[in-house]
Amino acid sequence: MTFSFEDKVVLVTGAAAGLGRSTAEAFAARGAKVVISDINEEVGRGTVKGLGDHAIFVHADVADPQAMQQVVDTVLERFGRLDIAYNNAGVELTPNPLAEQSLEEFDRVIAVNVLGVFNSMHAEIPAMLASGGGVIVNASSGLGLRGIPMQSPYVASKHAVQGLTKSAALEYAAQGIRINAVAIGVIDSPLYKTAVATTPGYKERIWSRQPNGRIGTTDEVADTVMWLASDASSYVVGASITLDGGQAVT
């Protein structure tokens, strides 16, 4: 399926690298005006240079509500509207049993993964209401649908994203804003490549757990986000589309 986002204004958080960058590139290649936001200014500005003349970078920490409001204000000042938002920014953590996780680490994960999504939607929704509607896609995880040892703060944060998505979707569906989530599993991303390079046996262990026998690609994530952002999914509201090769049903 092909998509066109001509004349659409798209905001992608956590887009300096990884899945956010791939999705921002996909939107830009299909005609969108793209605003990428990230805490990493140097990498973010380098990324936006490859997205064409109708792309800008705005530095922001999603955990800061004022910063996210400024991002949306900048979008409106530059392009006059906000049509689509992919709230992708997130952090992971060092695996440990719950009793060995620090409160500081828990707070960090919740601040970015949960408050970051809340802050983003809190700023994006009024902008979309002002122009008659829009689409929001929140990045969750396959671990937002189940549990796994050694990752309790991260798992809790992604379960929270599922709840935020469903509740907000019910609140704004009648006002023309569709809100959905993508529950992403293991993807062949820079983070995955780093883990393979630094952790002996990591690749073999991950692949052995995949029911479909492989991991996902960044293009598959981008395609799913674009489908959710397009009119092709106009009847999809409050859903969580799972991209994990079957992990969630094992």
C-alpha atoms as a PDB file:
ATOM      1  CA  MET A   1       0.000   0.000   0.000  1.00  0.00           C
ATOM      2  CA  THR A   2       1.283   3.457  -0.891  1.00  0.00           C
ATOM      3  CA  PHE A   3       0.590   6.583   1.110  1.00  0.00           C
ATOM      4  CA  SER A   4       0.633  10.282   0.319  1.00  0.00           C
ATOM      5  CA  PHE A   5       0.950  12.971   2.969  1.00  0.00           C
ATOM      6  CA  GLU A   6       1.132  15.994   0.700  1.00  0.00           C
ATOM      7  CA  ASP A   7       0.234  19.184   2.602  1.00  0.00           C
ATOM      8  CA  LYS A   8       0.189  17.320   5.932  1.00  0.00           C
ATOM      9  CA  VAL A   9       2.198  18.560   8.894  1.00  0.00           C
ATOM     10  CA  VAL A  10       3.750  15.766  10.943  1.00  0.00           C
ATOM     11  CA  LEU A  11       5.506  15.903  14.318  1.00  0.00           C
ATOM     12  CA  VAL A  12       7.758  13.012  15.369  1.00  0.00           C
ATOM     13  CA  THR A  13       9.314  12.970  18.829  1.00  0.00           C
ATOM     14  CA  GLY A  14      12.529  11.091  19.541  1.00  0.00           C
ATOM     15  CA  ALA A  15      13.320  11.355  15.850  1.00  0.00           C
ATOM     16  CA  ALA A  16      17.048  12.088  15.818  1.00  0.00           C
ATOM     17  CA  ALA A  17      17.860   8.407  15.307  1.00  0.00           C
ATOM     18  CA  GLY A  18      16.419   4.905  15.316  1.00  0.00           C
ATOM     19  CA  LEU A  19      12.748   4.187  14.686  1.00  0.00           C
ATOM     20  CA  GLY A  20      11.756   7.826  15.007  1.00  0.00           C
ATOM     21  CA  ARG A  21      14.221   8.857  12.349  1.00  0.00           C
ATOM     22  CA  SER A  22      13.113   6.086   9.972  1.00  0.00           C
ATOM     23  CA  THR A  23       9.476   7.080  10.353  1.00  0.00           C
ATOM     24  CA  ALA A  24      10.220  10.787   9.907  1.00  0.00           C
ATOM     25  CA  GLU A  25      12.133   9.967   6.718  1.00  0.00           C
ATOM     26  CA  ALA A  26       9.206   7.907   5.451  1.00  0.00           C
ATOM     27  CA  PHE A  27       6.737  10.744   6.036  1.00  0.00           C
ATOM     28  CA  ALA A  28       9.055  13.255   4.369  1.00  0.00           C
ATOM     29  CA  ALA A  29       9.517  10.983   1.351  1.00  0.00           C
ATOM     30  CA  ARG A  30       5.741  10.941   0.935  1.00  0.00           C
ATOM     31  CA  GLY A  31       5.333  14.678   0.840  1.00  0.00           C
ATOM     32  CA  ALA A  32       4.788  15.659   4.472  1.00  0.00           C
ATOM     33  CA  LYS A  33       6.142  18.727   6.185  1.00  0.00           C
ATOM     34  CA  VAL A  34       8.022  17.103   9.050  1.00  0.00           C
ATOM     35  CA  VAL A  35       9.001  18.488  12.432  1.00  0.00           C
ATOM     36  CA  ILE A  36      11.397  16.295  14.356  1.00  0.00           C
ATOM     37  CA  SER A  37      11.999  16.748  18.046  1.00  0.00           C
ATOM     38  CA  ASP A  38      14.681  15.172  20.189  1.00  0.00           C
ATOM     39  CA  ILE A  39      16.857  15.802  23.212  1.00  0.00           C
ATOM     40  CA  ASN A  40      19.978  15.150  21.116  1.00  0.00           C
ATOM     41  CA  GLU A  41      20.381  18.419  19.250  1.00  0.00           C
ATOM     42  CA  GLU A  42      23.542  17.607  17.312  1.00  0.00           C
ATOM     43  CA  VAL A  43      22.208  14.351  15.856  1.00  0.00           C
ATOM     44  CA  GLY A  44      18.745  15.803  15.394  1.00  0.00           C
ATOM     45  CA  ARG A  45      19.959  18.719  13.310  1.00  0.00           C
ATOM     46  CA  GLY A  46      21.999  16.327  11.216  1.00  0.00           C
ATOM     47  CA  THR A  47      18.932  14.177  10.626  1.00  0.00           C
ATOM     48  CA  VAL A  48      16.687  17.022   9.576  1.00  0.00           C
ATOM     49  CA  LYS A  49      19.154  18.086   6.854  1.00  0.00           C
ATOM     50  CA  GLY A  50      18.271  14.933   4.940  1.00  0.00           C
ATOM     51  CA  LEU A  51      14.523  15.486   5.066  1.00  0.00           C
ATOM     52  CA  GLY A  52      14.216  18.288   2.532  1.00  0.00           C
ATOM     53  CA  ASP A  53      13.269  21.946   2.635  1.00  0.00           C
ATOM     54  CA  HIS A  54       9.998  21.382   4.498  1.00  0.00           C
ATOM     55  CA  ALA A  55      11.522  19.858   7.618  1.00  0.00           C
ATOM     56  CA  ILE A  56      12.683  21.466  10.845  1.00  0.00           C
ATOM     57  CA  PHE A  57      14.268  20.336  14.094  1.00  0.00           C
ATOM     58  CA  VAL A  58      13.123  21.516  17.524  1.00  0.00           C
ATOM     59  CA  HIS A  59      15.148  20.595  20.590  1.00  0.00           C
ATOM     60  CA  ALA A  60      13.026  19.305  23.480  1.00  0.00           C
ATOM     61  CA  ASP A  61      12.886  16.866  26.367  1.00  0.00           C
ATOM     62  CA  VAL A  62       9.456  15.196  26.256  1.00  0.00           C
ATOM     63  CA  ALA A  63       9.520  14.908  30.055  1.00  0.00           C
ATOM     64  CA  ASP A  64       9.289  18.717  30.234  1.00  0.00           C
ATOM     65  CA  PRO A  65       5.706  19.905  29.592  1.00  0.00           C
ATOM     66  CA  GLN A  66       6.784  23.457  28.783  1.00  0.00           C
ATOM     67  CA  ALA A  67       9.294  22.182  26.242  1.00  0.00           C
ATOM     68  CA  MET A  68       6.642  20.100  24.476  1.00  0.00           C
ATOM     69  CA  GLN A  69       4.260  23.039  24.409  1.00  0.00           C
ATOM     70  CA  GLN A  70       7.026  25.091  22.804  1.00  0.00           C
ATOM     71  CA  VAL A  71       7.536  22.377  20.186  1.00  0.00           C
ATOM     72  CA  VAL A  72       3.871  22.516  19.193  1.00  0.00           C
ATOM     73  CA  ASP A  73       3.866  26.321  19.273  1.00  0.00           C
ATOM     74  CA  THR A  74       6.836  26.249  16.888  1.00  0.00           C
ATOM     75  CA  VAL A  75       4.992  23.853  14.577  1.00  0.00           C
ATOM     76  CA  LEU A  76       2.019  26.208  14.453  1.00  0.00           C
ATOM     77  CA  GLU A  77       4.185  29.286  13.920  1.00  0.00           C
ATOM     78  CA  ARG A  78       6.043  27.648  11.038  1.00  0.00           C
ATOM     79  CA  PHE A  79       3.297  25.635   9.328  1.00  0.00           C
ATOM     80  CA  GLY A  80       0.002  26.909  10.740  1.00  0.00           C
ATOM     81  CA  ARG A  81      -1.387  23.539  11.781  1.00  0.00           C
ATOM     82  CA  LEU A  82      -0.596  20.081  13.121  1.00  0.00           C
ATOM     83  CA  ASP A  83      -2.170  17.106  11.373  1.00  0.00           C
ATOM     84  CA  ILE A  84      -0.247  14.047  12.589  1.00  0.00           C
ATOM     85  CA  ALA A  85       1.908  13.253  15.620  1.00  0.00           C
ATOM     86  CA  TYR A  86       3.999  10.156  16.232  1.00  0.00           C
ATOM     87  CA  ASN A  87       4.994  10.175  19.896  1.00  0.00           C
ATOM     88  CA  ASN A  88       8.008   7.921  19.621  1.00  0.00           C
ATOM     89  CA  ALA A  89      10.441   9.213  22.275  1.00  0.00           C
ATOM     90  CA  GLY A  90      11.309   6.688  24.949  1.00  0.00           C
ATOM     91  CA  VAL A  91      14.080   5.190  27.045  1.00  0.00           C
ATOM     92  CA  GLU A  92      15.049   1.713  28.149  1.00  0.00           C
ATOM     93  CA  LEU A  93      16.849   0.621  31.321  1.00  0.00           C
ATOM     94  CA  THR A  94      19.425  -1.808  32.649  1.00  0.00           C
ATOM     95  CA  PRO A  95      17.753  -5.190  33.329  1.00  0.00           C
ATOM     96  CA  ASN A  96      17.518  -5.989  37.044  1.00  0.00           C
ATOM     97  CA  PRO A  97      15.033  -7.588  39.464  1.00  0.00           C
ATOM     98  CA  LEU A  98      12.539  -5.103  40.875  1.00  0.00           C
ATOM     99  CA  ALA A  99      14.181  -4.936  44.320  1.00  0.00           C
ATOM    100  CA  GLU A 100      17.472  -3.971  42.639  1.00  0.00           C
ATOM    101  CA  GLN A 101      16.023  -1.221  40.465  1.00  0.00           C
ATOM    102  CA  SER A 102      16.725   2.249  41.801  1.00  0.00           C
ATOM    103  CA  LEU A 103      13.991   4.783  42.398  1.00  0.00           C
ATOM    104  CA  GLU A 104      15.952   7.240  40.241  1.00  0.00           C
ATOM    105  CA  GLU A 105      15.889   4.812  37.314  1.00  0.00           C
ATOM    106  CA  PHE A 106      12.186   4.141  37.779  1.00  0.00           C
ATOM    107  CA  ASP A 107      11.468   7.886  37.851  1.00  0.00           C
ATOM    108  CA  ARG A 108      13.530   8.411  34.679  1.00  0.00           C
ATOM    109  CA  VAL A 109      11.671   5.720  32.744  1.00  0.00           C
ATOM    110  CA  ILE A 110       8.263   6.956  33.864  1.00  0.00           C
ATOM    111  CA  ALA A 111       9.185  10.590  33.167  1.00  0.00           C
ATOM    112  CA  VAL A 112      10.121   9.904  29.548  1.00  0.00           C
ATOM    113  CA  ASN A 113       7.915   6.963  28.586  1.00  0.00           C
ATOM    114  CA  VAL A 114       4.702   7.957  30.361  1.00  0.00           C
ATOM    115  CA  LEU A 115       4.841  11.676  31.166  1.00  0.00           C
ATOM    116  CA  GLY A 116       6.496  12.199  27.798  1.00  0.00           C
ATOM    117  CA  VAL A 117       3.472  10.763  25.997  1.00  0.00           C
ATOM    118  CA  PHE A 118       1.087  12.687  28.256  1.00  0.00           C
ATOM    119  CA  ASN A 119       2.978  15.965  27.748  1.00  0.00           C
ATOM    120  CA  SER A 120       3.076  15.418  24.003  1.00  0.00           C
ATOM    121  CA  MET A 121      -0.642  14.714  23.670  1.00  0.00           C
ATOM    122  CA  HIS A 122      -1.470  17.522  26.100  1.00  0.00           C
ATOM    123  CA  ALA A 123       0.148  20.001  23.702  1.00  0.00           C
ATOM    124  CA  GLU A 124      -0.843  18.303  20.429  1.00  0.00           C
ATOM    125  CA  ILE A 125      -4.561  17.796  21.025  1.00  0.00           C
ATOM    126  CA  PRO A 126      -5.560  21.486  21.356  1.00  0.00           C
ATOM    127  CA  ALA A 127      -3.610  22.289  18.187  1.00  0.00           C
ATOM    128  CA  MET A 128      -5.441  19.542  16.304  1.00  0.00           C
ATOM    129  CA  LEU A 129      -8.827  20.587  17.683  1.00  0.00           C
ATOM    130  CA  ALA A 130      -8.196  24.123  16.423  1.00  0.00           C
ATOM    131  CA  SER A 131      -7.872  22.869  12.844  1.00  0.00           C
ATOM    132  CA  GLY A 132     -10.679  20.311  12.903  1.00  0.00           C
ATOM    133  CA  GLY A 133      -8.911  17.090  13.877  1.00  0.00           C
ATOM    134  CA  GLY A 134      -5.850  14.970  13.383  1.00  0.00           C
ATOM    135  CA  VAL A 135      -4.140  11.673  14.127  1.00  0.00           C
ATOM    136  CA  ILE A 136      -1.901  10.664  17.024  1.00  0.00           C
ATOM    137  CA  VAL A 137       0.125   7.459  17.167  1.00  0.00           C
ATOM    138  CA  ASN A 138       1.859   6.564  20.428  1.00  0.00           C
ATOM    139  CA  ALA A 139       4.844   4.231  20.545  1.00  0.00           C
ATOM    140  CA  SER A 140       4.219   1.475  23.037  1.00  0.00           C
ATOM    141  CA  SER A 141       5.854  -1.945  23.143  1.00  0.00           C
ATOM    142  CA  GLY A 142       5.007  -5.610  23.009  1.00  0.00           C
ATOM    143  CA  LEU A 143       5.976  -5.447  26.683  1.00  0.00           C
ATOM    144  CA  GLY A 144       3.003  -3.143  27.198  1.00  0.00           C
ATOM    145  CA  LEU A 145       0.835  -6.199  26.582  1.00  0.00           C
ATOM    146  CA  ARG A 146       2.546  -8.741  28.820  1.00  0.00           C
ATOM    147  CA  GLY A 147       5.163  -9.104  31.523  1.00  0.00           C
ATOM    148  CA  ILE A 148       8.819 -10.034  31.427  1.00  0.00           C
ATOM    149  CA  PRO A 149      11.363 -10.512  34.220  1.00  0.00           C
ATOM    150  CA  MET A 150      14.035  -7.906  34.945  1.00  0.00           C
ATOM    151  CA  GLN A 151      12.221  -5.029  33.200  1.00  0.00           C
ATOM    152  CA  SER A 152       9.425  -4.051  35.607  1.00  0.00           C
ATOM    153  CA  PRO A 153       9.748  -0.223  35.318  1.00  0.00           C
ATOM    154  CA  TYR A 154       9.874  -0.350  31.521  1.00  0.00           C
ATOM    155  CA  VAL A 155       6.982  -2.824  31.329  1.00  0.00           C
ATOM    156  CA  ALA A 156       4.935  -0.645  33.676  1.00  0.00           C
ATOM    157  CA  SER A 157       5.637   2.429  31.561  1.00  0.00           C
ATOM    158  CA  LYS A 158       4.482   0.777  28.350  1.00  0.00           C
ATOM    159  CA  HIS A 159       1.326  -0.600  29.976  1.00  0.00           C
ATOM    160  CA  ALA A 160       0.627   2.996  31.000  1.00  0.00           C
ATOM    161  CA  VAL A 161       1.005   4.178  27.394  1.00  0.00           C
ATOM    162  CA  GLN A 162      -1.662   1.663  26.398  1.00  0.00           C
ATOM    163  CA  GLY A 163      -4.034   3.100  28.989  1.00  0.00           C
ATOM    164  CA  LEU A 164      -3.342   6.708  28.036  1.00  0.00           C
ATOM    165  CA  THR A 165      -3.950   5.868  24.386  1.00  0.00           C
ATOM    166  CA  LYS A 166      -7.267   4.104  24.946  1.00  0.00           C
ATOM    167  CA  SER A 167      -8.699   6.703  27.309  1.00  0.00           C
ATOM    168  CA  ALA A 168      -7.639   9.699  25.221  1.00  0.00           C
ATOM    169  CA  ALA A 169      -8.992   7.989  22.093  1.00  0.00           C
ATOM    170  CA  LEU A 170     -12.447   7.779  23.691  1.00  0.00           C
ATOM    171  CA  GLU A 171     -12.312  11.394  24.814  1.00  0.00           C
ATOM    172  CA  TYR A 172     -11.513  12.884  21.405  1.00  0.00           C
ATOM    173  CA  ALA A 173     -12.842  10.488  18.747  1.00  0.00           C
ATOM    174  CA  ALA A 174     -16.054  12.472  18.320  1.00  0.00           C
ATOM    175  CA  GLN A 175     -14.026  15.641  17.810  1.00  0.00           C
ATOM    176  CA  GLY A 176     -12.097  14.288  14.857  1.00  0.00           C
ATOM    177  CA  ILE A 177      -8.884  13.123  16.524  1.00  0.00           C
ATOM    178  CA  ARG A 178      -7.955   9.464  16.119  1.00  0.00           C
ATOM    179  CA  ILE A 179      -5.501   8.154  18.719  1.00  0.00           C
ATOM    180  CA  ASN A 180      -3.885   4.717  18.459  1.00  0.00           C
ATOM    181  CA  ALA A 181      -0.696   2.960  19.513  1.00  0.00           C
ATOM    182  CA  VAL A 182       1.886   0.640  18.029  1.00  0.00           C
ATOM    183  CA  ALA A 183       3.149  -2.133  20.316  1.00  0.00           C
ATOM    184  CA  ILE A 184       6.624  -2.720  18.938  1.00  0.00           C
ATOM    185  CA  GLY A 185       8.757  -5.809  19.523  1.00  0.00           C
ATOM    186  CA  VAL A 186      12.403  -6.431  18.659  1.00  0.00           C
ATOM    187  CA  ILE A 187      13.398  -4.374  15.617  1.00  0.00           C
ATOM    188  CA  ASP A 188      16.633  -4.303  13.627  1.00  0.00           C
ATOM    189  CA  SER A 189      17.460  -0.836  14.924  1.00  0.00           C
ATOM    190  CA  PRO A 190      20.684   0.849  16.097  1.00  0.00           C
ATOM    191  CA  LEU A 191      19.895  -0.205  19.684  1.00  0.00           C
ATOM    192  CA  TYR A 192      19.512  -3.816  18.591  1.00  0.00           C
ATOM    193  CA  LYS A 193      22.766  -3.708  16.617  1.00  0.00           C
ATOM    194  CA  THR A 194      24.594  -2.308  19.642  1.00  0.00           C
ATOM    195  CA  ALA A 195      23.212  -5.057  21.861  1.00  0.00           C
ATOM    196  CA  VAL A 196      24.298  -7.720  19.363  1.00  0.00           C
ATOM    197  CA  ALA A 197      27.807  -6.245  19.160  1.00  0.00           C
ATOM    198  CA  THR A 198      28.285  -5.939  22.924  1.00  0.00           C
ATOM    199  CA  THR A 199      26.396  -8.918  24.384  1.00  0.00           C
ATOM    200  CA  PRO A 200      27.616 -12.434  23.538  1.00  0.00           C
ATOM    201  CA  GLY A 201      24.757 -14.718  22.525  1.00  0.00           C
ATOM    202  CA  TYR A 202      22.203 -11.897  22.425  1.00  0.00           C
ATOM    203  CA  LYS A 203      21.210 -12.375  18.785  1.00  0.00           C
ATOM    204  CA  GLU A 204      20.788 -16.139  19.106  1.00  0.00           C
ATOM    205  CA  ARG A 205      18.728 -15.754  22.285  1.00  0.00           C
ATOM    206  CA  ILE A 206      16.426 -13.142  20.762  1.00  0.00           C
ATOM    207  CA  TRP A 207      15.884 -15.001  17.493  1.00  0.00           C
ATOM    208  CA  SER A 208      15.133 -18.269  19.282  1.00  0.00           C
ATOM    209  CA  ARG A 209      12.200 -16.585  21.037  1.00  0.00           C
ATOM    210  CA  GLN A 210      10.607 -15.224  17.864  1.00  0.00           C
ATOM    211  CA  PRO A 211       7.580 -17.330  16.820  1.00  0.00           C
ATOM    212  CA  ASN A 212       7.950 -16.178  13.216  1.00  0.00           C
ATOM    213  CA  GLY A 213      11.693 -16.843  13.170  1.00  0.00           C
ATOM    214  CA  ARG A 214      12.910 -13.287  12.595  1.00  0.00           C
ATOM    215  CA  ILE A 215      12.911  -9.782  14.014  1.00  0.00           C
ATOM    216  CA  GLY A 216      11.191  -6.746  12.545  1.00  0.00           C
ATOM    217  CA  THR A 217      12.521  -3.980  10.318  1.00  0.00           C
ATOM    218  CA  THR A 218      12.363  -0.229  10.726  1.00  0.00           C
ATOM    219  CA  ASP A 219      10.440  -0.035   7.440  1.00  0.00           C
ATOM    220  CA  GLU A 220       7.725  -2.259   8.901  1.00  0.00           C
ATOM    221  CA  VAL A 221       7.339   0.098  11.844  1.00  0.00           C
ATOM    222  CA  ALA A 222       7.242   3.156   9.582  1.00  0.00           C
ATOM    223  CA  ASP A 223       4.677   1.543   7.277  1.00  0.00           C
ATOM    224  CA  THR A 224       2.417   0.701  10.206  1.00  0.00           C
ATOM    225  CA  VAL A 225       2.631   4.212  11.638  1.00  0.00           C
ATOM    226  CA  MET A 226       1.853   5.691   8.230  1.00  0.00           C
ATOM    227  CA  TRP A 227      -1.131   3.358   7.801  1.00  0.00           C
ATOM    228  CA  LEU A 228      -2.486   4.465  11.173  1.00  0.00           C
ATOM    229  CA  ALA A 229      -1.900   8.093  10.169  1.00  0.00           C
ATOM    230  CA  SER A 230      -3.649   7.681   6.820  1.00  0.00           C
ATOM    231  CA  ASP A 231      -7.302   7.655   5.790  1.00  0.00           C
ATOM    232  CA  ALA A 232      -6.940   3.916   5.152  1.00  0.00           C
ATOM    233  CA  SER A 233      -7.321   3.378   8.906  1.00  0.00           C
ATOM    234  CA  SER A 234     -10.112   5.918   9.451  1.00  0.00           C
ATOM    235  CA  TYR A 235     -12.220   3.396  11.402  1.00  0.00           C
ATOM    236  CA  VAL A 236      -9.357   2.459  13.758  1.00  0.00           C
ATOM    237  CA  VAL A 237      -9.716   4.235  17.107  1.00  0.00           C
ATOM    238  CA  GLY A 238      -8.075   3.394  20.423  1.00  0.00           C
ATOM    239  CA  ALA A 239      -6.313   0.353  19.003  1.00  0.00           C
ATOM    240  CA  SER A 240      -2.891  -1.064  19.707  1.00  0.00           C
ATOM    241  CA  ILE A 241      -1.355  -2.578  16.593  1.00  0.00           C
ATOM    242  CA  THR A 242       1.176  -5.226  17.551  1.00  0.00           C
ATOM    243  CA  LEU A 243       4.428  -5.591  15.604  1.00  0.00           C
ATOM    244  CA  ASP A 244       6.369  -8.284  17.431  1.00  0.00           C
ATOM    245  CA  GLY A 245       6.357 -11.411  15.279  1.00  0.00           C
ATOM    246  CA  GLY A 246       3.961 -13.167  17.631  1.00  0.00           C
ATOM    247  CA  GLN A 247       5.716 -12.553  20.952  1.00  0.00           C
ATOM    248  CA  ALA A 248       2.616 -11.147  22.647  1.00  0.00           C
ATOM    249  CA  VAL A 249       0.649 -14.352  22.140  1.00  0.00           C
ATOM    250  CA  THR A 250       3.281 -16.806  23.365  1.00  0.00           C
END
